[in-house]
Amino acid sequence: LNTKVYAESGGSSMEVDIDDMIKSTDFGLLFGAGIDINIGSVVITLDGRYNFGLTDLNNNLVPGYTFKTNAIQILAGVGFAIK
């Protein structure tokens, strides 16, 4: 969506568009687990997920380095029965 780098040093700032230096497509694996706990008419939801990036996104931004996406996601929710 947006591949800009912002830098600030000594009171001056700079913005650089690195769109051509980062690959636009990413593939990965997503692992997760969740549980729903029923408490009367209320449901408590807990989920955890891990995203493991497979694609090297470096397109000559920093030669010799690998950039991959990795993320941990945690979800907690409360549901109510509507009658």
Protein backbone atom coordinates (compact mmCIF):
# COMPACT_ATOMS: atom_id res chain seq x y z
CA LEU A 1 0.00 0.00 0.00
CA ASN A 2 2.72 2.44 0.95
CA THR A 3 6.48 1.94 0.78
CA LYS A 4 7.95 5.15 2.11
CA VAL A 5 10.77 5.56 4.59
CA TYR A 6 10.80 8.56 6.93
CA ALA A 7 14.07 9.71 8.47
CA GLU A 8 14.89 12.60 10.79
CA SER A 9 18.33 13.82 11.82
CA GLY A 10 19.67 17.08 13.20
CA GLY A 11 16.34 18.90 12.87
CA SER A 12 15.80 18.01 9.22
CA SER A 13 13.55 15.26 7.92
CA MET A 14 13.42 13.28 4.71
CA GLU A 15 10.92 11.01 2.96
CA VAL A 16 12.03 8.40 0.40
CA ASP A 17 9.74 6.23 -1.75
CA ILE A 18 11.23 2.72 -1.92
CA ASP A 19 8.44 1.13 -3.99
CA ASP A 20 10.83 -0.20 -6.67
CA MET A 21 13.13 -1.71 -4.03
CA ILE A 22 10.48 -3.89 -2.31
CA LYS A 23 8.60 -6.76 -3.97
CA SER A 24 4.83 -6.21 -4.12
CA THR A 25 3.71 -9.84 -3.65
CA ASP A 26 4.16 -11.85 -0.48
CA PHE A 27 3.42 -15.51 0.24
CA GLY A 28 3.39 -17.11 3.66
CA LEU A 29 2.00 -19.77 5.98
CA LEU A 30 -0.49 -19.06 8.74
CA PHE A 31 -0.85 -21.29 11.79
CA GLY A 32 -3.41 -20.72 14.48
CA ALA A 33 -5.59 -22.09 17.23
CA GLY A 34 -8.57 -20.84 19.14
CA ILE A 35 -11.02 -21.65 21.85
CA ASP A 36 -14.57 -20.53 22.67
CA ILE A 37 -15.64 -20.65 26.31
CA ASN A 38 -19.39 -20.65 27.00
CA ILE A 39 -20.44 -18.92 30.21
CA GLY A 40 -24.24 -18.94 30.25
CA SER A 41 -25.40 -16.74 27.35
CA VAL A 42 -21.91 -15.20 26.94
CA VAL A 43 -19.14 -16.67 24.77
CA ILE A 44 -15.50 -15.72 25.40
CA THR A 45 -13.27 -16.21 22.33
CA LEU A 46 -9.46 -16.53 22.46
CA ASP A 47 -7.39 -17.02 19.28
CA GLY A 48 -3.68 -17.00 18.54
CA ARG A 49 -2.02 -17.02 15.10
CA TYR A 50 1.48 -16.93 13.66
CA ASN A 51 2.24 -15.75 10.11
CA PHE A 52 5.48 -17.11 8.66
CA GLY A 53 6.65 -15.26 5.53
CA LEU A 54 8.06 -17.32 2.67
CA THR A 55 8.94 -14.54 0.19
CA ASP A 56 12.13 -12.49 0.30
CA LEU A 57 10.75 -8.96 -0.19
CA ASN A 58 14.17 -7.38 -0.76
CA ASN A 59 14.37 -6.21 -4.37
CA ASN A 60 17.85 -4.64 -4.14
CA LEU A 61 16.97 -2.28 -1.25
CA VAL A 62 19.90 -3.59 0.84
CA PRO A 63 22.01 -6.09 -1.14
CA GLY A 64 22.87 -9.25 0.78
CA TYR A 65 19.93 -9.02 3.23
CA THR A 66 16.65 -10.93 3.37
CA PHE A 67 13.36 -9.27 4.34
CA LYS A 68 10.45 -11.54 5.26
CA THR A 69 7.17 -10.83 6.99
CA ASN A 70 6.49 -12.55 10.30
CA ALA A 71 3.63 -11.70 12.62
CA ILE A 72 1.97 -12.84 15.83
CA GLN A 73 -1.74 -12.15 16.13
CA ILE A 74 -3.78 -12.40 19.32
CA LEU A 75 -7.57 -12.07 19.35
CA ALA A 76 -9.91 -11.88 22.31
CA GLY A 77 -13.63 -11.36 22.02
CA VAL A 78 -16.93 -11.52 23.85
CA GLY A 79 -20.16 -12.67 22.21
CA PHE A 80 -23.71 -12.29 23.48
CA ALA A 81 -26.74 -14.37 22.51
CA ILE A 82 -29.55 -12.37 20.94
CA LYS A 83 -32.98 -13.85 21.53
